[in-house]
Amino acid sequence: MTWITPACLAAAGPGSPPAVTDDIRELDTFLDAAYDAQERLTSGDLRRRAIAADLPAAALTRIDALPEGEYAQDEAAEALRAINV
């Protein structure tokens, strides 16, 4: 068992990257599958693929909030992480 101590929390400090949530992991897995053999996808393509993949509501909410446009996988991942739900 690993214990988180106040010293561990303080070591992270301000400016540390936020913890990766299950939603983000699920979106990353989704993006890996969606971009298989694709270089760029539109936000509409991502929405349709997310619905077909039966993603949970929180993930669909992030994808629905994605601005219209065309994205490479890394661009989509960055944009989805920036969306607060």
PDB file of N, CA and C in Angstrom:
ATOM      1  N   MET A   1       0.837  -1.162   0.000  1.00  0.00           N
ATOM      2  CA  MET A   1       0.000   0.000   0.000  1.00  0.00           C
ATOM      3  C   MET A   1       0.894   1.241   0.000  1.00  0.00           C
ATOM      4  N   THR A   2       0.538   2.212  -0.814  1.00  0.00           N
ATOM      5  CA  THR A   2       1.278   3.469  -0.890  1.00  0.00           C
ATOM      6  C   THR A   2       0.501   4.544  -0.153  1.00  0.00           C
ATOM      7  N   TRP A   3       1.188   5.253   0.702  1.00  0.00           N
ATOM      8  CA  TRP A   3       0.567   6.338   1.464  1.00  0.00           C
ATOM      9  C   TRP A   3       0.974   7.663   0.853  1.00  0.00           C
ATOM     10  N   ILE A   4       0.008   8.562   0.741  1.00  0.00           N
ATOM     11  CA  ILE A   4       0.302   9.910   0.274  1.00  0.00           C
ATOM     12  C   ILE A   4       0.440  10.788   1.509  1.00  0.00           C
ATOM     13  N   THR A   5       1.580  11.366   1.666  1.00  0.00           N
ATOM     14  CA  THR A   5       1.846  12.208   2.827  1.00  0.00           C
ATOM     15  C   THR A   5       1.768  13.672   2.428  1.00  0.00           C
ATOM     16  N   PRO A   6       1.611  14.581   3.393  1.00  0.00           N
ATOM     17  CA  PRO A   6       1.629  16.004   3.058  1.00  0.00           C
ATOM     18  C   PRO A   6       2.916  16.413   2.339  1.00  0.00           C
ATOM     19  N   ALA A   7       4.030  15.768   2.687  1.00  0.00           N
ATOM     20  CA  ALA A   7       5.294  16.083   2.020  1.00  0.00           C
ATOM     21  C   ALA A   7       5.231  15.723   0.541  1.00  0.00           C
ATOM     22  N   CYS A   8       4.581  14.617   0.225  1.00  0.00           N
ATOM     23  CA  CYS A   8       4.434  14.216  -1.178  1.00  0.00           C
ATOM     24  C   CYS A   8       3.598  15.241  -1.937  1.00  0.00           C
ATOM     25  N   LEU A   9       2.520  15.693  -1.294  1.00  0.00           N
ATOM     26  CA  LEU A   9       1.667  16.675  -1.945  1.00  0.00           C
ATOM     27  C   LEU A   9       2.405  17.992  -2.142  1.00  0.00           C
ATOM     28  N   ALA A  10       3.174  18.397  -1.157  1.00  0.00           N
ATOM     29  CA  ALA A  10       3.923  19.641  -1.258  1.00  0.00           C
ATOM     30  C   ALA A  10       4.988  19.553  -2.335  1.00  0.00           C
ATOM     31  N   ALA A  11       5.544  18.360  -2.523  1.00  0.00           N
ATOM     32  CA  ALA A  11       6.597  18.175  -3.528  1.00  0.00           C
ATOM     33  C   ALA A  11       6.065  18.425  -4.930  1.00  0.00           C
ATOM     34  N   ALA A  12       4.775  18.118  -5.147  1.00  0.00           N
ATOM     35  CA  ALA A  12       4.195  18.339  -6.467  1.00  0.00           C
ATOM     36  C   ALA A  12       4.183  19.826  -6.778  1.00  0.00           C
ATOM     37  N   GLY A  13       3.783  20.631  -5.818  1.00  0.00           N
ATOM     38  CA  GLY A  13       3.856  22.079  -5.922  1.00  0.00           C
ATOM     39  C   GLY A  13       3.047  22.678  -7.048  1.00  0.00           C
ATOM     40  N   PRO A  14       2.981  24.010  -7.044  1.00  0.00           N
ATOM     41  CA  PRO A  14       2.260  24.695  -8.111  1.00  0.00           C
ATOM     42  C   PRO A  14       2.990  24.530  -9.442  1.00  0.00           C
ATOM     43  N   GLY A  15       2.213  24.520 -10.482  1.00  0.00           N
ATOM     44  CA  GLY A  15       2.810  24.379 -11.796  1.00  0.00           C
ATOM     45  C   GLY A  15       3.021  22.941 -12.215  1.00  0.00           C
ATOM     46  N   SER A  16       2.727  21.998 -11.321  1.00  0.00           N
ATOM     47  CA  SER A  16       2.832  20.584 -11.670  1.00  0.00           C
ATOM     48  C   SER A  16       1.681  20.240 -12.592  1.00  0.00           C
ATOM     49  N   PRO A  17       1.883  19.309 -13.506  1.00  0.00           N
ATOM     50  CA  PRO A  17       0.787  18.943 -14.397  1.00  0.00           C
ATOM     51  C   PRO A  17      -0.332  18.305 -13.593  1.00  0.00           C
ATOM     52  N   PRO A  18      -1.588  18.524 -13.989  1.00  0.00           N
ATOM     53  CA  PRO A  18      -2.693  17.925 -13.268  1.00  0.00           C
ATOM     54  C   PRO A  18      -2.656  16.411 -13.398  1.00  0.00           C
ATOM     55  N   ALA A  19      -3.222  15.758 -12.417  1.00  0.00           N
ATOM     56  CA  ALA A  19      -3.279  14.301 -12.445  1.00  0.00           C
ATOM     57  C   ALA A  19      -4.126  13.856 -13.630  1.00  0.00           C
ATOM     58  N   VAL A  20      -3.735  12.775 -14.249  1.00  0.00           N
ATOM     59  CA  VAL A  20      -4.488  12.233 -15.371  1.00  0.00           C
ATOM     60  C   VAL A  20      -5.711  11.528 -14.811  1.00  0.00           C
ATOM     61  N   THR A  21      -6.873  11.948 -15.260  1.00  0.00           N
ATOM     62  CA  THR A  21      -8.110  11.362 -14.769  1.00  0.00           C
ATOM     63  C   THR A  21      -8.513  10.187 -15.644  1.00  0.00           C
ATOM     64  N   ASP A  22      -9.465   9.421 -15.127  1.00  0.00           N
ATOM     65  CA  ASP A  22      -9.979   8.297 -15.908  1.00  0.00           C
ATOM     66  C   ASP A  22     -10.617   8.786 -17.203  1.00  0.00           C
ATOM     67  N   ASP A  23     -11.281   9.962 -17.152  1.00  0.00           N
ATOM     68  CA  ASP A  23     -11.886  10.514 -18.372  1.00  0.00           C
ATOM     69  C   ASP A  23     -10.831  10.773 -19.437  1.00  0.00           C
ATOM     70  N   ILE A  24      -9.706  11.343 -19.017  1.00  0.00           N
ATOM     71  CA  ILE A  24      -8.639  11.648 -19.970  1.00  0.00           C
ATOM     72  C   ILE A  24      -8.040  10.359 -20.520  1.00  0.00           C
ATOM     73  N   ARG A  25      -7.830   9.377 -19.670  1.00  0.00           N
ATOM     74  CA  ARG A  25      -7.305   8.083 -20.151  1.00  0.00           C
ATOM     75  C   ARG A  25      -8.264   7.470 -21.161  1.00  0.00           C
ATOM     76  N   GLU A  26      -9.561   7.547 -20.864  1.00  0.00           N
ATOM     77  CA  GLU A  26     -10.549   6.981 -21.775  1.00  0.00           C
ATOM     78  C   GLU A  26     -10.552   7.735 -23.105  1.00  0.00           C
ATOM     79  N   LEU A  27     -10.432   9.057 -23.049  1.00  0.00           N
ATOM     80  CA  LEU A  27     -10.369   9.847 -24.283  1.00  0.00           C
ATOM     81  C   LEU A  27      -9.107   9.533 -25.075  1.00  0.00           C
ATOM     82  N   ASP A  28      -7.983   9.349 -24.395  1.00  0.00           N
ATOM     83  CA  ASP A  28      -6.745   8.986 -25.087  1.00  0.00           C
ATOM     84  C   ASP A  28      -6.879   7.645 -25.801  1.00  0.00           C
ATOM     85  N   THR A  29      -7.501   6.692 -25.130  1.00  0.00           N
ATOM     86  CA  THR A  29      -7.732   5.374 -25.743  1.00  0.00           C
ATOM     87  C   THR A  29      -8.648   5.518 -26.953  1.00  0.00           C
ATOM     88  N   PHE A  30      -9.702   6.321 -26.796  1.00  0.00           N
ATOM     89  CA  PHE A  30     -10.620   6.569 -27.906  1.00  0.00           C
ATOM     90  C   PHE A  30      -9.885   7.207 -29.089  1.00  0.00           C
ATOM     91  N   LEU A  31      -9.061   8.226 -28.806  1.00  0.00           N
ATOM     92  CA  LEU A  31      -8.344   8.903 -29.884  1.00  0.00           C
ATOM     93  C   LEU A  31      -7.368   7.964 -30.591  1.00  0.00           C
ATOM     94  N   ASP A  32      -6.713   7.079 -29.845  1.00  0.00           N
ATOM     95  CA  ASP A  32      -5.817   6.099 -30.471  1.00  0.00           C
ATOM     96  C   ASP A  32      -6.573   5.263 -31.493  1.00  0.00           C
ATOM     97  N   ALA A  33      -7.780   4.827 -31.124  1.00  0.00           N
ATOM     98  CA  ALA A  33      -8.587   4.006 -32.033  1.00  0.00           C
ATOM     99  C   ALA A  33      -9.135   4.848 -33.185  1.00  0.00           C
ATOM    100  N   ALA A  34      -9.605   6.061 -32.893  1.00  0.00           N
ATOM    101  CA  ALA A  34     -10.216   6.912 -33.918  1.00  0.00           C
ATOM    102  C   ALA A  34      -9.214   7.327 -34.986  1.00  0.00           C
ATOM    103  N   TYR A  35      -7.976   7.581 -34.571  1.00  0.00           N
ATOM    104  CA  TYR A  35      -6.960   8.054 -35.512  1.00  0.00           C
ATOM    105  C   TYR A  35      -6.161   6.921 -36.139  1.00  0.00           C
ATOM    106  N   ASP A  36      -6.565   5.676 -35.931  1.00  0.00           N
ATOM    107  CA  ASP A  36      -5.879   4.555 -36.556  1.00  0.00           C
ATOM    108  C   ASP A  36      -5.928   4.734 -38.073  1.00  0.00           C
ATOM    109  N   ALA A  37      -4.772   4.930 -38.672  1.00  0.00           N
ATOM    110  CA  ALA A  37      -4.620   5.113 -40.126  1.00  0.00           C
ATOM    111  C   ALA A  37      -5.243   6.419 -40.621  1.00  0.00           C
ATOM    112  N   GLN A  38      -5.498   7.371 -39.727  1.00  0.00           N
ATOM    113  CA  GLN A  38      -6.019   8.677 -40.107  1.00  0.00           C
ATOM    114  C   GLN A  38      -5.044   9.744 -39.627  1.00  0.00           C
ATOM    115  N   GLU A  39      -4.762  10.703 -40.480  1.00  0.00           N
ATOM    116  CA  GLU A  39      -3.860  11.770 -40.060  1.00  0.00           C
ATOM    117  C   GLU A  39      -4.617  12.904 -39.387  1.00  0.00           C
ATOM    118  N   ARG A  40      -5.780  13.258 -39.938  1.00  0.00           N
ATOM    119  CA  ARG A  40      -6.587  14.345 -39.383  1.00  0.00           C
ATOM    120  C   ARG A  40      -8.057  13.941 -39.419  1.00  0.00           C
ATOM    121  N   LEU A  41      -8.808  14.415 -38.417  1.00  0.00           N
ATOM    122  CA  LEU A  41     -10.254  14.187 -38.362  1.00  0.00           C
ATOM    123  C   LEU A  41     -10.928  15.503 -37.994  1.00  0.00           C
ATOM    124  N   THR A  42     -12.148  15.689 -38.483  1.00  0.00           N
ATOM    125  CA  THR A  42     -12.903  16.881 -38.107  1.00  0.00           C
ATOM    126  C   THR A  42     -13.560  16.638 -36.748  1.00  0.00           C
ATOM    127  N   SER A  43     -13.992  17.719 -36.122  1.00  0.00           N
ATOM    128  CA  SER A  43     -14.688  17.588 -34.845  1.00  0.00           C
ATOM    129  C   SER A  43     -15.969  16.773 -35.037  1.00  0.00           C
ATOM    130  N   GLY A  44     -16.627  16.919 -36.181  1.00  0.00           N
ATOM    131  CA  GLY A  44     -17.819  16.120 -36.482  1.00  0.00           C
ATOM    132  C   GLY A  44     -17.496  14.638 -36.590  1.00  0.00           C
ATOM    133  N   ASP A  45     -16.371  14.305 -37.232  1.00  0.00           N
ATOM    134  CA  ASP A  45     -15.938  12.905 -37.311  1.00  0.00           C
ATOM    135  C   ASP A  45     -15.727  12.338 -35.911  1.00  0.00           C
ATOM    136  N   LEU A  46     -15.075  13.136 -35.056  1.00  0.00           N
ATOM    137  CA  LEU A  46     -14.806  12.676 -33.693  1.00  0.00           C
ATOM    138  C   LEU A  46     -16.103  12.464 -32.921  1.00  0.00           C
ATOM    139  N   ARG A  47     -17.075  13.371 -33.106  1.00  0.00           N
ATOM    140  CA  ARG A  47     -18.379  13.204 -32.440  1.00  0.00           C
ATOM    141  C   ARG A  47     -19.052  11.907 -32.878  1.00  0.00           C
ATOM    142  N   ARG A  48     -19.105  11.684 -34.188  1.00  0.00           N
ATOM    143  CA  ARG A  48     -19.761  10.470 -34.710  1.00  0.00           C
ATOM    144  C   ARG A  48     -19.066   9.208 -34.205  1.00  0.00           C
ATOM    145  N   ARG A  49     -17.751   9.207 -34.199  1.00  0.00           N
ATOM    146  CA  ARG A  49     -17.003   8.039 -33.727  1.00  0.00           C
ATOM    147  C   ARG A  49     -17.183   7.841 -32.223  1.00  0.00           C
ATOM    148  N   ALA A  50     -17.287   8.924 -31.471  1.00  0.00           N
ATOM    149  CA  ALA A  50     -17.485   8.820 -30.018  1.00  0.00           C
ATOM    150  C   ALA A  50     -18.851   8.229 -29.708  1.00  0.00           C
ATOM    151  N   ILE A  51     -19.859   8.647 -30.451  1.00  0.00           N
ATOM    152  CA  ILE A  51     -21.205   8.096 -30.253  1.00  0.00           C
ATOM    153  C   ILE A  51     -21.207   6.617 -30.618  1.00  0.00           C
ATOM    154  N   ALA A  52     -20.581   6.271 -31.731  1.00  0.00           N
ATOM    155  CA  ALA A  52     -20.515   4.872 -32.155  1.00  0.00           C
ATOM    156  C   ALA A  52     -19.737   4.016 -31.156  1.00  0.00           C
ATOM    157  N   ALA A  53     -18.734   4.621 -30.501  1.00  0.00           N
ATOM    158  CA  ALA A  53     -17.928   3.893 -29.513  1.00  0.00           C
ATOM    159  C   ALA A  53     -18.631   3.809 -28.165  1.00  0.00           C
ATOM    160  N   ASP A  54     -19.798   4.459 -28.040  1.00  0.00           N
ATOM    161  CA  ASP A  54     -20.594   4.431 -26.815  1.00  0.00           C
ATOM    162  C   ASP A  54     -19.797   4.944 -25.611  1.00  0.00           C
ATOM    163  N   LEU A  55     -19.125   6.086 -25.822  1.00  0.00           N
ATOM    164  CA  LEU A  55     -18.362   6.695 -24.729  1.00  0.00           C
ATOM    165  C   LEU A  55     -19.309   7.201 -23.647  1.00  0.00           C
ATOM    166  N   PRO A  56     -18.831   7.268 -22.410  1.00  0.00           N
ATOM    167  CA  PRO A  56     -19.664   7.791 -21.325  1.00  0.00           C
ATOM    168  C   PRO A  56     -20.017   9.266 -21.543  1.00  0.00           C
ATOM    169  N   ALA A  57     -21.019   9.720 -20.819  1.00  0.00           N
ATOM    170  CA  ALA A  57     -21.531  11.088 -20.982  1.00  0.00           C
ATOM    171  C   ALA A  57     -20.461  12.149 -20.772  1.00  0.00           C
ATOM    172  N   ALA A  58     -19.597  11.985 -19.775  1.00  0.00           N
ATOM    173  CA  ALA A  58     -18.560  12.996 -19.511  1.00  0.00           C
ATOM    174  C   ALA A  58     -17.621  13.138 -20.701  1.00  0.00           C
ATOM    175  N   ALA A  59     -17.242  12.036 -21.319  1.00  0.00           N
ATOM    176  CA  ALA A  59     -16.354  12.083 -22.481  1.00  0.00           C
ATOM    177  C   ALA A  59     -17.074  12.705 -23.678  1.00  0.00           C
ATOM    178  N   LEU A  60     -18.345  12.344 -23.876  1.00  0.00           N
ATOM    179  CA  LEU A  60     -19.117  12.924 -24.980  1.00  0.00           C
ATOM    180  C   LEU A  60     -19.291  14.427 -24.798  1.00  0.00           C
ATOM    181  N   THR A  61     -19.458  14.867 -23.557  1.00  0.00           N
ATOM    182  CA  THR A  61     -19.600  16.297 -23.282  1.00  0.00           C
ATOM    183  C   THR A  61     -18.339  17.046 -23.707  1.00  0.00           C
ATOM    184  N   ARG A  62     -17.172  16.485 -23.406  1.00  0.00           N
ATOM    185  CA  ARG A  62     -15.919  17.116 -23.831  1.00  0.00           C
ATOM    186  C   ARG A  62     -15.825  17.170 -25.349  1.00  0.00           C
ATOM    187  N   ILE A  63     -16.155  16.069 -25.998  1.00  0.00           N
ATOM    188  CA  ILE A  63     -16.058  16.011 -27.464  1.00  0.00           C
ATOM    189  C   ILE A  63     -17.058  16.967 -28.102  1.00  0.00           C
ATOM    190  N   ASP A  64     -18.274  17.071 -27.534  1.00  0.00           N
ATOM    191  CA  ASP A  64     -19.259  18.015 -28.052  1.00  0.00           C
ATOM    192  C   ASP A  64     -18.786  19.461 -27.916  1.00  0.00           C
ATOM    193  N   ALA A  65     -17.973  19.743 -26.912  1.00  0.00           N
ATOM    194  CA  ALA A  65     -17.475  21.105 -26.686  1.00  0.00           C
ATOM    195  C   ALA A  65     -16.269  21.441 -27.562  1.00  0.00           C
ATOM    196  N   LEU A  66     -15.778  20.473 -28.293  1.00  0.00           N
ATOM    197  CA  LEU A  66     -14.623  20.695 -29.170  1.00  0.00           C
ATOM    198  C   LEU A  66     -15.012  21.668 -30.287  1.00  0.00           C
ATOM    199  N   PRO A  67     -14.263  22.762 -30.458  1.00  0.00           N
ATOM    200  CA  PRO A  67     -14.587  23.722 -31.526  1.00  0.00           C
ATOM    201  C   PRO A  67     -14.534  23.058 -32.911  1.00  0.00           C
ATOM    202  N   GLU A  68     -15.371  23.571 -33.805  1.00  0.00           N
ATOM    203  CA  GLU A  68     -15.384  23.061 -35.176  1.00  0.00           C
ATOM    204  C   GLU A  68     -13.995  23.194 -35.767  1.00  0.00           C
ATOM    205  N   GLY A  69     -13.641  22.236 -36.572  1.00  0.00           N
ATOM    206  CA  GLY A  69     -12.349  22.281 -37.238  1.00  0.00           C
ATOM    207  C   GLY A  69     -11.808  20.897 -37.469  1.00  0.00           C
ATOM    208  N   GLU A  70     -10.611  20.871 -37.982  1.00  0.00           N
ATOM    209  CA  GLU A  70      -9.921  19.621 -38.291  1.00  0.00           C
ATOM    210  C   GLU A  70      -8.724  19.505 -37.360  1.00  0.00           C
ATOM    211  N   TYR A  71      -8.501  18.296 -36.824  1.00  0.00           N
ATOM    212  CA  TYR A  71      -7.482  18.099 -35.807  1.00  0.00           C
ATOM    213  C   TYR A  71      -6.596  16.904 -36.112  1.00  0.00           C
ATOM    214  N   ALA A  72      -5.304  17.055 -35.859  1.00  0.00           N
ATOM    215  CA  ALA A  72      -4.404  15.907 -35.762  1.00  0.00           C
ATOM    216  C   ALA A  72      -4.650  15.317 -34.377  1.00  0.00           C
ATOM    217  N   GLN A  73      -4.209  14.104 -34.139  1.00  0.00           N
ATOM    218  CA  GLN A  73      -4.489  13.442 -32.871  1.00  0.00           C
ATOM    219  C   GLN A  73      -3.954  14.236 -31.674  1.00  0.00           C
ATOM    220  N   ASP A  74      -2.740  14.726 -31.767  1.00  0.00           N
ATOM    221  CA  ASP A  74      -2.180  15.475 -30.637  1.00  0.00           C
ATOM    222  C   ASP A  74      -2.917  16.788 -30.403  1.00  0.00           C
ATOM    223  N   GLU A  75      -3.386  17.418 -31.471  1.00  0.00           N
ATOM    224  CA  GLU A  75      -4.159  18.647 -31.329  1.00  0.00           C
ATOM    225  C   GLU A  75      -5.500  18.374 -30.656  1.00  0.00           C
ATOM    226  N   ALA A  76      -6.148  17.283 -31.051  1.00  0.00           N
ATOM    227  CA  ALA A  76      -7.431  16.917 -30.444  1.00  0.00           C
ATOM    228  C   ALA A  76      -7.251  16.592 -28.967  1.00  0.00           C
ATOM    229  N   ALA A  77      -6.210  15.840 -28.635  1.00  0.00           N
ATOM    230  CA  ALA A  77      -5.957  15.484 -27.242  1.00  0.00           C
ATOM    231  C   ALA A  77      -5.734  16.731 -26.396  1.00  0.00           C
ATOM    232  N   GLU A  78      -4.948  17.660 -26.904  1.00  0.00           N
ATOM    233  CA  GLU A  78      -4.669  18.896 -26.165  1.00  0.00           C
ATOM    234  C   GLU A  78      -5.940  19.723 -25.982  1.00  0.00           C
ATOM    235  N   ALA A  79      -6.743  19.835 -27.032  1.00  0.00           N
ATOM    236  CA  ALA A  79      -7.983  20.609 -26.955  1.00  0.00           C
ATOM    237  C   ALA A  79      -8.963  19.961 -25.977  1.00  0.00           C
ATOM    238  N   LEU A  80      -9.062  18.642 -25.998  1.00  0.00           N
ATOM    239  CA  LEU A  80      -9.988  17.955 -25.091  1.00  0.00           C
ATOM    240  C   LEU A  80      -9.559  18.080 -23.640  1.00  0.00           C
ATOM    241  N   ARG A  81      -8.268  18.082 -23.393  1.00  0.00           N
ATOM    242  CA  ARG A  81      -7.774  18.264 -22.016  1.00  0.00           C
ATOM    243  C   ARG A  81      -8.072  19.660 -21.496  1.00  0.00           C
ATOM    244  N   ALA A  82      -8.108  20.647 -22.394  1.00  0.00           N
ATOM    245  CA  ALA A  82      -8.329  22.024 -21.985  1.00  0.00           C
ATOM    246  C   ALA A  82      -9.798  22.325 -21.681  1.00  0.00           C
ATOM    247  N   ILE A  83     -10.682  21.440 -22.092  1.00  0.00           N
ATOM    248  CA  ILE A  83     -12.121  21.652 -21.878  1.00  0.00           C
ATOM    249  C   ILE A  83     -12.481  21.214 -20.466  1.00  0.00           C
ATOM    250  N   ASN A  84     -13.066  22.123 -19.709  1.00  0.00           N
ATOM    251  CA  ASN A  84     -13.516  21.803 -18.349  1.00  0.00           C
ATOM    252  C   ASN A  84     -14.977  21.400 -18.395  1.00  0.00           C
ATOM    253  N   VAL A  85     -15.270  20.251 -17.822  1.00  0.00           N
ATOM    254  CA  VAL A  85     -16.667  19.796 -17.745  1.00  0.00           C
ATOM    255  C   VAL A  85     -17.104  19.665 -16.323  1.00  0.00           C
TER     256      VAL A  85
END
